PDB file of N, CA and C in Angstrom:
ATOM      1  N   MET A   1     107.338 100.942  98.302  1.00  0.00           N
ATOM      2  CA  MET A   1     108.092 100.559  99.449  1.00  0.00           C
ATOM      3  C   MET A   1     109.549 100.354  99.063  1.00  0.00           C
ATOM      4  N   SER A   2     110.440 100.807  99.919  1.00  0.00           N
ATOM      5  CA  SER A   2     111.856 100.624  99.649  1.00  0.00           C
ATOM      6  C   SER A   2     112.544 100.105 100.897  1.00  0.00           C
ATOM      7  N   ASP A   3     113.658  99.467 100.689  1.00  0.00           N
ATOM      8  CA  ASP A   3     114.419  98.926 101.803  1.00  0.00           C
ATOM      9  C   ASP A   3     115.464  99.933 102.264  1.00  0.00           C
ATOM     10  N   PHE A   4     115.724  99.972 103.577  1.00  0.00           N
ATOM     11  CA  PHE A   4     116.825 100.739 104.115  1.00  0.00           C
ATOM     12  C   PHE A   4     118.082  99.912 103.946  1.00  0.00           C
ATOM     13  N   ASN A   5     119.215 100.479 104.243  1.00  0.00           N
ATOM     14  CA  ASN A   5     120.447  99.701 104.148  1.00  0.00           C
ATOM     15  C   ASN A   5     120.599  98.772 105.350  1.00  0.00           C
ATOM     16  N   SER A   6     121.714  98.121 105.483  1.00  0.00           N
ATOM     17  CA  SER A   6     121.896  97.060 106.467  1.00  0.00           C
ATOM     18  C   SER A   6     122.045  97.546 107.900  1.00  0.00           C
ATOM     19  N   GLU A   7     121.936  98.842 108.156  1.00  0.00           N
ATOM     20  CA  GLU A   7     122.070  99.336 109.524  1.00  0.00           C
ATOM     21  C   GLU A   7     120.807  99.119 110.368  1.00  0.00           C
ATOM     22  N   ILE A   8     119.787  98.549 109.813  1.00  0.00           N
ATOM     23  CA  ILE A   8     118.549  98.284 110.540  1.00  0.00           C
ATOM     24  C   ILE A   8     118.764  97.079 111.440  1.00  0.00           C
ATOM     25  N   THR A   9     118.465  97.262 112.716  1.00  0.00           N
ATOM     26  CA  THR A   9     118.598  96.163 113.664  1.00  0.00           C
ATOM     27  C   THR A   9     117.249  95.473 113.842  1.00  0.00           C
ATOM     28  N   SER A  10     117.276  94.303 114.444  1.00  0.00           N
ATOM     29  CA  SER A  10     116.015  93.611 114.734  1.00  0.00           C
ATOM     30  C   SER A  10     115.193  94.414 115.734  1.00  0.00           C
ATOM     31  N   ASP A  11     115.863  95.173 116.600  1.00  0.00           N
ATOM     32  CA  ASP A  11     115.171  96.047 117.547  1.00  0.00           C
ATOM     33  C   ASP A  11     114.411  97.150 116.805  1.00  0.00           C
ATOM     34  N   ASP A  12     115.041  97.727 115.774  1.00  0.00           N
ATOM     35  CA  ASP A  12     114.387  98.750 114.958  1.00  0.00           C
ATOM     36  C   ASP A  12     113.114  98.191 114.310  1.00  0.00           C
ATOM     37  N   LYS A  13     113.235  96.990 113.775  1.00  0.00           N
ATOM     38  CA  LYS A  13     112.087  96.361 113.110  1.00  0.00           C
ATOM     39  C   LYS A  13     110.958  96.107 114.093  1.00  0.00           C
ATOM     40  N   LEU A  14     111.309  95.647 115.285  1.00  0.00           N
ATOM     41  CA  LEU A  14     110.277  95.374 116.294  1.00  0.00           C
ATOM     42  C   LEU A  14     109.572  96.661 116.708  1.00  0.00           C
ATOM     43  N   TRP A  15     110.330  97.738 116.926  1.00  0.00           N
ATOM     44  CA  TRP A  15     109.713  99.008 117.292  1.00  0.00           C
ATOM     45  C   TRP A  15     108.846  99.563 116.165  1.00  0.00           C
ATOM     46  N   GLY A  16     109.265  99.339 114.921  1.00  0.00           N
ATOM     47  CA  GLY A  16     108.438  99.756 113.780  1.00  0.00           C
ATOM     48  C   GLY A  16     107.103  99.034 113.792  1.00  0.00           C
ATOM     49  N   LEU A  17     107.124  97.728 114.033  1.00  0.00           N
ATOM     50  CA  LEU A  17     105.889  96.948 114.125  1.00  0.00           C
ATOM     51  C   LEU A  17     105.014  97.443 115.263  1.00  0.00           C
ATOM     52  N   LEU A  18     105.599  97.587 116.449  1.00  0.00           N
ATOM     53  CA  LEU A  18     104.826  98.007 117.618  1.00  0.00           C
ATOM     54  C   LEU A  18     104.237  99.409 117.456  1.00  0.00           C
ATOM     55  N   ALA A  19     104.943 100.274 116.733  1.00  0.00           N
ATOM     56  CA  ALA A  19     104.432 101.635 116.510  1.00  0.00           C
ATOM     57  C   ALA A  19     103.104 101.622 115.772  1.00  0.00           C
ATOM     58  N   TYR A  20     102.972 100.723 114.794  1.00  0.00           N
ATOM     59  CA  TYR A  20     101.713 100.648 114.045  1.00  0.00           C
ATOM     60  C   TYR A  20     100.624  99.901 114.819  1.00  0.00           C
ATOM     61  N   VAL A  21     100.992  98.819 115.462  1.00  0.00           N
ATOM     62  CA  VAL A  21      99.993  97.980 116.137  1.00  0.00           C
ATOM     63  C   VAL A  21      99.402  98.681 117.354  1.00  0.00           C
ATOM     64  N   PHE A  22     100.227  99.392 118.095  1.00  0.00           N
ATOM     65  CA  PHE A  22      99.757 100.036 119.324  1.00  0.00           C
ATOM     66  C   PHE A  22      99.771 101.559 119.220  1.00  0.00           C
ATOM     67  N   SER A  23      99.422 102.044 118.046  1.00  0.00           N
ATOM     68  CA  SER A  23      99.351 103.479 117.821  1.00  0.00           C
ATOM     69  C   SER A  23      98.049 104.016 118.406  1.00  0.00           C
ATOM     70  N   PRO A  24      98.019 105.165 118.954  1.00  0.00           N
ATOM     71  CA  PRO A  24      99.014 106.228 119.001  1.00  0.00           C
ATOM     72  C   PRO A  24      99.931 106.200 120.234  1.00  0.00           C
ATOM     73  N   LEU A  25      99.783 105.235 121.130  1.00  0.00           N
ATOM     74  CA  LEU A  25     100.568 105.213 122.370  1.00  0.00           C
ATOM     75  C   LEU A  25     102.063 104.969 122.133  1.00  0.00           C
ATOM     76  N   VAL A  26     102.420 103.917 121.430  1.00  0.00           N
ATOM     77  CA  VAL A  26     103.836 103.577 121.233  1.00  0.00           C
ATOM     78  C   VAL A  26     104.586 104.659 120.448  1.00  0.00           C
ATOM     79  N   PRO A  27     104.012 105.233 119.381  1.00  0.00           N
ATOM     80  CA  PRO A  27     104.756 106.310 118.707  1.00  0.00           C
ATOM     81  C   PRO A  27     105.071 107.489 119.632  1.00  0.00           C
ATOM     82  N   ILE A  28     104.155 107.813 120.525  1.00  0.00           N
ATOM     83  CA  ILE A  28     104.418 108.914 121.467  1.00  0.00           C
ATOM     84  C   ILE A  28     105.563 108.541 122.401  1.00  0.00           C
ATOM     85  N   ILE A  29     105.564 107.306 122.878  1.00  0.00           N
ATOM     86  CA  ILE A  29     106.648 106.835 123.749  1.00  0.00           C
ATOM     87  C   ILE A  29     107.977 106.864 122.997  1.00  0.00           C
ATOM     88  N   LEU A  30     107.969 106.410 121.747  1.00  0.00           N
ATOM     89  CA  LEU A  30     109.203 106.402 120.953  1.00  0.00           C
ATOM     90  C   LEU A  30     109.753 107.808 120.736  1.00  0.00           C
ATOM     91  N   MET A  31     108.874 108.779 120.599  1.00  0.00           N
ATOM     92  CA  MET A  31     109.321 110.160 120.397  1.00  0.00           C
ATOM     93  C   MET A  31     109.992 110.728 121.650  1.00  0.00           C
ATOM     94  N   LEU A  32     109.716 110.105 122.788  1.00  0.00           N
ATOM     95  CA  LEU A  32     110.305 110.571 124.046  1.00  0.00           C
ATOM     96  C   LEU A  32     111.575 109.810 124.421  1.00  0.00           C
ATOM     97  N   MET A  33     111.852 108.718 123.760  1.00  0.00           N
ATOM     98  CA  MET A  33     113.032 107.901 124.060  1.00  0.00           C
ATOM     99  C   MET A  33     114.212 108.398 123.234  1.00  0.00           C
ATOM    100  N   GLU A  34     115.223 108.968 123.910  1.00  0.00           N
ATOM    101  CA  GLU A  34     116.368 109.562 123.218  1.00  0.00           C
ATOM    102  C   GLU A  34     117.095 108.572 122.313  1.00  0.00           C
ATOM    103  N   ASP A  35     117.261 107.337 122.768  1.00  0.00           N
ATOM    104  CA  ASP A  35     118.021 106.369 121.980  1.00  0.00           C
ATOM    105  C   ASP A  35     117.243 105.833 120.790  1.00  0.00           C
ATOM    106  N   LYS A  36     115.917 106.006 120.764  1.00  0.00           N
ATOM    107  CA  LYS A  36     115.102 105.477 119.669  1.00  0.00           C
ATOM    108  C   LYS A  36     114.699 106.540 118.656  1.00  0.00           C
ATOM    109  N   LYS A  37     114.415 107.744 119.113  1.00  0.00           N
ATOM    110  CA  LYS A  37     113.831 108.749 118.216  1.00  0.00           C
ATOM    111  C   LYS A  37     114.767 109.215 117.115  1.00  0.00           C
ATOM    112  N   ASN A  38     116.064 109.005 117.266  1.00  0.00           N
ATOM    113  CA  ASN A  38     117.002 109.439 116.238  1.00  0.00           C
ATOM    114  C   ASN A  38     117.436 108.319 115.300  1.00  0.00           C
ATOM    115  N   ARG A  39     116.942 107.121 115.497  1.00  0.00           N
ATOM    116  CA  ARG A  39     117.234 106.011 114.588  1.00  0.00           C
ATOM    117  C   ARG A  39     116.435 106.241 113.298  1.00  0.00           C
ATOM    118  N   PRO A  40     117.080 106.305 112.131  1.00  0.00           N
ATOM    119  CA  PRO A  40     116.381 106.650 110.884  1.00  0.00           C
ATOM    120  C   PRO A  40     115.195 105.750 110.564  1.00  0.00           C
ATOM    121  N   PHE A  41     115.331 104.453 110.755  1.00  0.00           N
ATOM    122  CA  PHE A  41     114.243 103.531 110.432  1.00  0.00           C
ATOM    123  C   PHE A  41     113.046 103.744 111.361  1.00  0.00           C
ATOM    124  N   ILE A  42     113.333 103.880 112.645  1.00  0.00           N
ATOM    125  CA  ILE A  42     112.253 104.101 113.616  1.00  0.00           C
ATOM    126  C   ILE A  42     111.592 105.445 113.358  1.00  0.00           C
ATOM    127  N   LYS A  43     112.392 106.464 113.096  1.00  0.00           N
ATOM    128  CA  LYS A  43     111.857 107.805 112.831  1.00  0.00           C
ATOM    129  C   LYS A  43     110.937 107.804 111.611  1.00  0.00           C
ATOM    130  N   ALA A  44     111.307 107.037 110.584  1.00  0.00           N
ATOM    131  CA  ALA A  44     110.501 106.980 109.359  1.00  0.00           C
ATOM    132  C   ALA A  44     109.116 106.395 109.622  1.00  0.00           C
ATOM    133  N   HIS A  45     109.013 105.492 110.570  1.00  0.00           N
ATOM    134  CA  HIS A  45     107.736 104.834 110.840  1.00  0.00           C
ATOM    135  C   HIS A  45     106.935 105.489 111.970  1.00  0.00           C
ATOM    136  N   THR A  46     107.617 106.113 112.919  1.00  0.00           N
ATOM    137  CA  THR A  46     106.934 106.620 114.113  1.00  0.00           C
ATOM    138  C   THR A  46     105.865 107.657 113.806  1.00  0.00           C
ATOM    139  N   VAL A  47     106.205 108.685 113.062  1.00  0.00           N
ATOM    140  CA  VAL A  47     105.237 109.761 112.795  1.00  0.00           C
ATOM    141  C   VAL A  47     104.093 109.249 111.921  1.00  0.00           C
ATOM    142  N   GLN A  48     104.426 108.438 110.921  1.00  0.00           N
ATOM    143  CA  GLN A  48     103.371 107.856 110.076  1.00  0.00           C
ATOM    144  C   GLN A  48     102.417 107.017 110.912  1.00  0.00           C
ATOM    145  N   ALA A  49     102.982 106.202 111.809  1.00  0.00           N
ATOM    146  CA  ALA A  49     102.148 105.346 112.657  1.00  0.00           C
ATOM    147  C   ALA A  49     101.271 106.184 113.580  1.00  0.00           C
ATOM    148  N   LEU A  50     101.819 107.276 114.097  1.00  0.00           N
ATOM    149  CA  LEU A  50     101.050 108.154 114.970  1.00  0.00           C
ATOM    150  C   LEU A  50      99.851 108.751 114.234  1.00  0.00           C
ATOM    151  N   ILE A  51     100.092 109.294 113.048  1.00  0.00           N
ATOM    152  CA  ILE A  51      99.008 109.901 112.274  1.00  0.00           C
ATOM    153  C   ILE A  51      97.978 108.840 111.875  1.00  0.00           C
ATOM    154  N   LEU A  52      98.445 107.685 111.434  1.00  0.00           N
ATOM    155  CA  LEU A  52      97.527 106.605 111.054  1.00  0.00           C
ATOM    156  C   LEU A  52      96.716 106.138 112.264  1.00  0.00           C
ATOM    157  N   GLY A  53      97.346 106.079 113.425  1.00  0.00           N
ATOM    158  CA  GLY A  53      96.639 105.694 114.650  1.00  0.00           C
ATOM    159  C   GLY A  53      95.582 106.702 115.043  1.00  0.00           C
ATOM    160  N   VAL A  54      95.886 107.976 114.893  1.00  0.00           N
ATOM    161  CA  VAL A  54      94.898 109.022 115.203  1.00  0.00           C
ATOM    162  C   VAL A  54      93.716 108.918 114.243  1.00  0.00           C
ATOM    163  N   VAL A  55      93.992 108.677 112.968  1.00  0.00           N
ATOM    164  CA  VAL A  55      92.912 108.491 111.995  1.00  0.00           C
ATOM    165  C   VAL A  55      92.059 107.286 112.380  1.00  0.00           C
ATOM    166  N   ALA A  56      92.688 106.203 112.805  1.00  0.00           N
ATOM    167  CA  ALA A  56      91.950 105.000 113.209  1.00  0.00           C
ATOM    168  C   ALA A  56      91.065 105.289 114.412  1.00  0.00           C
ATOM    169  N   VAL A  57      91.591 106.043 115.385  1.00  0.00           N
ATOM    170  CA  VAL A  57      90.802 106.373 116.581  1.00  0.00           C
ATOM    171  C   VAL A  57      89.638 107.284 116.218  1.00  0.00           C
ATOM    172  N   LEU A  58      89.888 108.286 115.378  1.00  0.00           N
ATOM    173  CA  LEU A  58      88.826 109.220 115.008  1.00  0.00           C
ATOM    174  C   LEU A  58      87.723 108.566 114.178  1.00  0.00           C
ATOM    175  N   THR A  59      88.066 107.521 113.449  1.00  0.00           N
ATOM    176  CA  THR A  59      87.072 106.842 112.615  1.00  0.00           C
ATOM    177  C   THR A  59      86.614 105.520 113.226  1.00  0.00           C
ATOM    178  N   SER A  60      86.922 105.300 114.504  1.00  0.00           N
ATOM    179  CA  SER A  60      86.623 104.005 115.137  1.00  0.00           C
ATOM    180  C   SER A  60      85.127 103.711 115.233  1.00  0.00           C
ATOM    181  N   GLY A  61      84.299 104.711 115.160  1.00  0.00           N
ATOM    182  CA  GLY A  61      82.864 104.485 115.215  1.00  0.00           C
ATOM    183  C   GLY A  61      82.279 104.051 113.878  1.00  0.00           C
ATOM    184  N   PHE A  62      83.102 103.984 112.877  1.00  0.00           N
ATOM    185  CA  PHE A  62      82.660 103.650 111.532  1.00  0.00           C
ATOM    186  C   PHE A  62      83.428 102.420 111.034  1.00  0.00           C
ATOM    187  N   CYS A  63      82.919 101.793 110.022  1.00  0.00           N
ATOM    188  CA  CYS A  63      83.607 100.622 109.443  1.00  0.00           C
ATOM    189  C   CYS A  63      84.995 100.974 108.922  1.00  0.00           C
ATOM    190  N   ILE A  64      85.161 102.216 108.480  1.00  0.00           N
ATOM    191  CA  ILE A  64      86.464 102.620 107.952  1.00  0.00           C
ATOM    192  C   ILE A  64      87.544 102.553 109.032  1.00  0.00           C
ATOM    193  N   GLY A  65      87.183 102.753 110.284  1.00  0.00           N
ATOM    194  CA  GLY A  65      88.144 102.663 111.382  1.00  0.00           C
ATOM    195  C   GLY A  65      88.762 101.283 111.472  1.00  0.00           C
ATOM    196  N   ILE A  66      87.958 100.259 111.259  1.00  0.00           N
ATOM    197  CA  ILE A  66      88.456  98.882 111.279  1.00  0.00           C
ATOM    198  C   ILE A  66      89.391  98.647 110.102  1.00  0.00           C
ATOM    199  N   LEU A  67      89.018  99.186 108.947  1.00  0.00           N
ATOM    200  CA  LEU A  67      89.867  99.038 107.770  1.00  0.00           C
ATOM    201  C   LEU A  67      91.210  99.749 107.955  1.00  0.00           C
ATOM    202  N   VAL A  68      91.179 100.917 108.577  1.00  0.00           N
ATOM    203  CA  VAL A  68      92.414 101.659 108.842  1.00  0.00           C
ATOM    204  C   VAL A  68      93.301 100.862 109.789  1.00  0.00           C
ATOM    205  N   TRP A  69      92.697 100.237 110.803  1.00  0.00           N
ATOM    206  CA  TRP A  69      93.476  99.446 111.749  1.00  0.00           C
ATOM    207  C   TRP A  69      94.112  98.236 111.061  1.00  0.00           C
ATOM    208  N   PHE A  70      93.370  97.576 110.192  1.00  0.00           N
ATOM    209  CA  PHE A  70      93.941  96.451 109.449  1.00  0.00           C
ATOM    210  C   PHE A  70      95.076  96.914 108.525  1.00  0.00           C
ATOM    211  N   TYR A  71      94.917  98.090 107.939  1.00  0.00           N
ATOM    212  CA  TYR A  71      95.987  98.643 107.118  1.00  0.00           C
ATOM    213  C   TYR A  71      97.215  98.933 107.983  1.00  0.00           C
ATOM    214  N   ALA A  72      96.977  99.407 109.209  1.00  0.00           N
ATOM    215  CA  ALA A  72      98.088  99.652 110.135  1.00  0.00           C
ATOM    216  C   ALA A  72      98.811  98.344 110.465  1.00  0.00           C
ATOM    217  N   LEU A  73      98.068  97.261 110.599  1.00  0.00           N
ATOM    218  CA  LEU A  73      98.697  95.954 110.832  1.00  0.00           C
ATOM    219  C   LEU A  73      99.590  95.573 109.652  1.00  0.00           C
ATOM    220  N   TYR A  74      99.102  95.809 108.448  1.00  0.00           N
ATOM    221  CA  TYR A  74      99.892  95.537 107.247  1.00  0.00           C
ATOM    222  C   TYR A  74     101.170  96.381 107.247  1.00  0.00           C
ATOM    223  N   CYS A  75     101.037  97.660 107.571  1.00  0.00           N
ATOM    224  CA  CYS A  75     102.206  98.541 107.619  1.00  0.00           C
ATOM    225  C   CYS A  75     103.199  98.062 108.675  1.00  0.00           C
ATOM    226  N   GLY A  76     102.677  97.617 109.816  1.00  0.00           N
ATOM    227  CA  GLY A  76     103.540  97.077 110.863  1.00  0.00           C
ATOM    228  C   GLY A  76     104.286  95.850 110.397  1.00  0.00           C
ATOM    229  N   TYR A  77     103.619  94.979 109.659  1.00  0.00           N
ATOM    230  CA  TYR A  77     104.258  93.786 109.116  1.00  0.00           C
ATOM    231  C   TYR A  77     105.381  94.176 108.155  1.00  0.00           C
ATOM    232  N   GLN A  78     105.118  95.168 107.312  1.00  0.00           N
ATOM    233  CA  GLN A  78     106.136  95.631 106.374  1.00  0.00           C
ATOM    234  C   GLN A  78     107.336  96.215 107.124  1.00  0.00           C
ATOM    235  N   ALA A  79     107.068  96.956 108.192  1.00  0.00           N
ATOM    236  CA  ALA A  79     108.155  97.509 109.004  1.00  0.00           C
ATOM    237  C   ALA A  79     108.980  96.385 109.620  1.00  0.00           C
ATOM    238  N   TYR A  80     108.313  95.336 110.067  1.00  0.00           N
ATOM    239  CA  TYR A  80     109.011  94.199 110.671  1.00  0.00           C
ATOM    240  C   TYR A  80     109.865  93.458 109.647  1.00  0.00           C
ATOM    241  N   GLN A  81     109.507  93.591 108.382  1.00  0.00           N
ATOM    242  CA  GLN A  81     110.298  92.991 107.307  1.00  0.00           C
ATOM    243  C   GLN A  81     111.468  93.899 106.898  1.00  0.00           C
ATOM    244  N   GLY A  82     111.576  95.069 107.529  1.00  0.00           N
ATOM    245  CA  GLY A  82     112.673  95.984 107.224  1.00  0.00           C
ATOM    246  C   GLY A  82     112.399  96.933 106.086  1.00  0.00           C
ATOM    247  N   LYS A  83     111.138  97.134 105.755  1.00  0.00           N
ATOM    248  CA  LYS A  83     110.765  97.990 104.633  1.00  0.00           C
ATOM    249  C   LYS A  83     110.108  99.271 105.135  1.00  0.00           C
ATOM    250  N   THR A  84     110.194 100.310 104.304  1.00  0.00           N
ATOM    251  CA  THR A  84     109.433 101.517 104.589  1.00  0.00           C
ATOM    252  C   THR A  84     108.089 101.389 103.883  1.00  0.00           C
ATOM    253  N   VAL A  85     107.138 102.157 104.347  1.00  0.00           N
ATOM    254  CA  VAL A  85     105.791 102.093 103.793  1.00  0.00           C
ATOM    255  C   VAL A  85     105.404 103.478 103.295  1.00  0.00           C
ATOM    256  N   GLU A  86     104.904 103.536 102.078  1.00  0.00           N
ATOM    257  CA  GLU A  86     104.407 104.793 101.515  1.00  0.00           C
ATOM    258  C   GLU A  86     102.889 104.826 101.721  1.00  0.00           C
ATOM    259  N   ILE A  87     102.453 105.524 102.747  1.00  0.00           N
ATOM    260  CA  ILE A  87     101.030 105.644 103.037  1.00  0.00           C
ATOM    261  C   ILE A  87     100.504 106.855 102.268  1.00  0.00           C
ATOM    262  N   PRO A  88      99.493 106.656 101.429  1.00  0.00           N
ATOM    263  CA  PRO A  88      98.968 107.786 100.653  1.00  0.00           C
ATOM    264  C   PRO A  88      98.634 108.979 101.551  1.00  0.00           C
ATOM    265  N   VAL A  89      98.993 110.140 101.140  1.00  0.00           N
ATOM    266  CA  VAL A  89      98.787 111.433 101.790  1.00  0.00           C
ATOM    267  C   VAL A  89      99.664 111.575 103.043  1.00  0.00           C
ATOM    268  N   ILE A  90      99.665 110.609 103.935  1.00  0.00           N
ATOM    269  CA  ILE A  90     100.371 110.723 105.215  1.00  0.00           C
ATOM    270  C   ILE A  90     101.878 110.790 105.017  1.00  0.00           C
ATOM    271  N   THR A  91     102.438 109.910 104.193  1.00  0.00           N
ATOM    272  CA  THR A  91     103.884 109.897 103.989  1.00  0.00           C
ATOM    273  C   THR A  91     104.374 111.212 103.393  1.00  0.00           C
ATOM    274  N   GLY A  92     103.694 111.692 102.378  1.00  0.00           N
ATOM    275  CA  GLY A  92     104.065 112.963 101.765  1.00  0.00           C
ATOM    276  C   GLY A  92     103.967 114.120 102.740  1.00  0.00           C
ATOM    277  N   PHE A  93     102.914 114.132 103.534  1.00  0.00           N
ATOM    278  CA  PHE A  93     102.728 115.180 104.538  1.00  0.00           C
ATOM    279  C   PHE A  93     103.873 115.164 105.550  1.00  0.00           C
ATOM    280  N   CYS A  94     104.221 113.983 106.043  1.00  0.00           N
ATOM    281  CA  CYS A  94     105.301 113.853 107.030  1.00  0.00           C
ATOM    282  C   CYS A  94     106.635 114.328 106.457  1.00  0.00           C
ATOM    283  N   LYS A  95     106.923 113.947 105.225  1.00  0.00           N
ATOM    284  CA  LYS A  95     108.183 114.348 104.594  1.00  0.00           C
ATOM    285  C   LYS A  95     108.219 115.852 104.341  1.00  0.00           C
ATOM    286  N   ASN A  96     107.099 116.429 103.909  1.00  0.00           N
ATOM    287  CA  ASN A  96     107.063 117.889 103.657  1.00  0.00           C
ATOM    288  C   ASN A  96     107.248 118.697 104.931  1.00  0.00           C
ATOM    289  N   GLN A  97     106.819 118.133 106.059  1.00  0.00           N
ATOM    290  CA  GLN A  97     106.973 118.811 107.349  1.00  0.00           C
ATOM    291  C   GLN A  97     108.364 118.592 107.940  1.00  0.00           C
ATOM    292  N   GLY A  98     109.131 117.670 107.361  1.00  0.00           N
ATOM    293  CA  GLY A  98     110.458 117.358 107.869  1.00  0.00           C
ATOM    294  C   GLY A  98     110.442 116.425 109.068  1.00  0.00           C
ATOM    295  N   TRP A  99     109.354 115.726 109.253  1.00  0.00           N
ATOM    296  CA  TRP A  99     109.206 114.834 110.400  1.00  0.00           C
ATOM    297  C   TRP A  99     109.778 113.445 110.130  1.00  0.00           C
ATOM    298  N   ALA A 100     109.936 113.089 108.893  1.00  0.00           N
ATOM    299  CA  ALA A 100     110.434 111.736 108.591  1.00  0.00           C
ATOM    300  C   ALA A 100     111.487 111.789 107.506  1.00  0.00           C
TER     301      ALA A 100
END
């Protein structure tokens, strides 16, 4: 995990938290909001939160779905602290696609 520079606003941190907690709905909304989707901190978390949320929904019938959701809560907390989160496989995939 690494910190962004001081350009992160409290609004950015809140949207980062909400993206993980209410995924996949909030990340989709953020991608449609012109003033939010181009903010570097929000952009870094939005796609990761979306993919993690889809994984949580697809595995919701299994115990792993609950674990994924708790991990998403942890990631949201880290975002609220102003940090980026390196999610195994997902972060690398997002960066290779140019999404984050």
